[in-house]
């Protein structure tokens, strides 16, 4: 986990769109809360 004041950038490319196919969520999914909701 990042320490206070540190920033962390994670980029994931869903090339086969399995997130969209299985869940109906269209990308991009941006932000912490949106990613938690999509999980």
C-alpha atoms as a PDB file:
ATOM      1  CA  UNK A   1       0.000   0.000   0.000  1.00  0.00           C
ATOM      2  CA  UNK A   2       1.260   3.492  -0.772  1.00  0.00           C
ATOM      3  CA  UNK A   3       2.369   5.586   2.177  1.00  0.00           C
ATOM      4  CA  UNK A   4       0.670   8.904   2.963  1.00  0.00           C
ATOM      5  CA  UNK A   5       1.540  11.399   0.257  1.00  0.00           C
ATOM      6  CA  UNK A   6       2.789   8.720  -2.158  1.00  0.00           C
ATOM      7  CA  UNK A   7       0.904   8.161  -5.404  1.00  0.00           C
ATOM      8  CA  UNK A   8       0.506   4.948  -7.333  1.00  0.00           C
ATOM      9  CA  UNK A   9      -0.704   4.609 -10.924  1.00  0.00           C
ATOM     10  CA  UNK A  10      -1.905   1.239 -12.202  1.00  0.00           C
ATOM     11  CA  UNK A  11      -2.884   0.874 -15.849  1.00  0.00           C
ATOM     12  CA  UNK A  12      -4.601  -2.280 -17.103  1.00  0.00           C
ATOM     13  CA  UNK A  13      -5.809  -2.793 -20.674  1.00  0.00           C
ATOM     14  CA  UNK A  14      -8.689  -5.262 -21.066  1.00  0.00           C
ATOM     15  CA  UNK A  15      -7.879  -6.274 -24.633  1.00  0.00           C
ATOM     16  CA  UNK A  16     -10.430  -9.090 -24.851  1.00  0.00           C
ATOM     17  CA  UNK A  17     -13.202  -7.095 -23.093  1.00  0.00           C
ATOM     18  CA  UNK A  18     -14.001  -9.923 -20.682  1.00  0.00           C
ATOM     19  CA  UNK A  19     -15.045  -7.344 -18.069  1.00  0.00           C
ATOM     20  CA  UNK A  20     -17.590  -5.904 -20.487  1.00  0.00           C
ATOM     21  CA  UNK A  21     -18.801  -9.290 -21.717  1.00  0.00           C
ATOM     22  CA  UNK A  22     -19.177 -10.890 -18.274  1.00  0.00           C
ATOM     23  CA  UNK A  23     -20.443  -7.892 -16.284  1.00  0.00           C
ATOM     24  CA  UNK A  24     -21.866  -5.447 -18.823  1.00  0.00           C
ATOM     25  CA  UNK A  25     -19.566  -2.713 -17.501  1.00  0.00           C
ATOM     26  CA  UNK A  26     -18.149  -0.619 -20.317  1.00  0.00           C
ATOM     27  CA  UNK A  27     -14.645   0.735 -19.891  1.00  0.00           C
ATOM     28  CA  UNK A  28     -12.634   2.571 -19.071  1.00  0.00           C
ATOM     29  CA  UNK A  29     -13.126   2.072 -15.350  1.00  0.00           C
ATOM     30  CA  UNK A  30     -11.434   5.079 -13.746  1.00  0.00           C
ATOM     31  CA  UNK A  31     -10.909   5.776 -10.070  1.00  0.00           C
ATOM     32  CA  UNK A  32     -10.754   3.772  -6.865  1.00  0.00           C
ATOM     33  CA  UNK A  33     -14.489   3.633  -6.158  1.00  0.00           C
ATOM     34  CA  UNK A  34     -15.366   2.704  -9.746  1.00  0.00           C
ATOM     35  CA  UNK A  35     -12.831  -0.129  -9.648  1.00  0.00           C
ATOM     36  CA  UNK A  36     -14.172  -1.399  -6.338  1.00  0.00           C
ATOM     37  CA  UNK A  37     -17.708  -1.326  -7.755  1.00  0.00           C
ATOM     38  CA  UNK A  38     -16.573  -3.215 -10.869  1.00  0.00           C
ATOM     39  CA  UNK A  39     -14.791  -5.867  -8.808  1.00  0.00           C
END
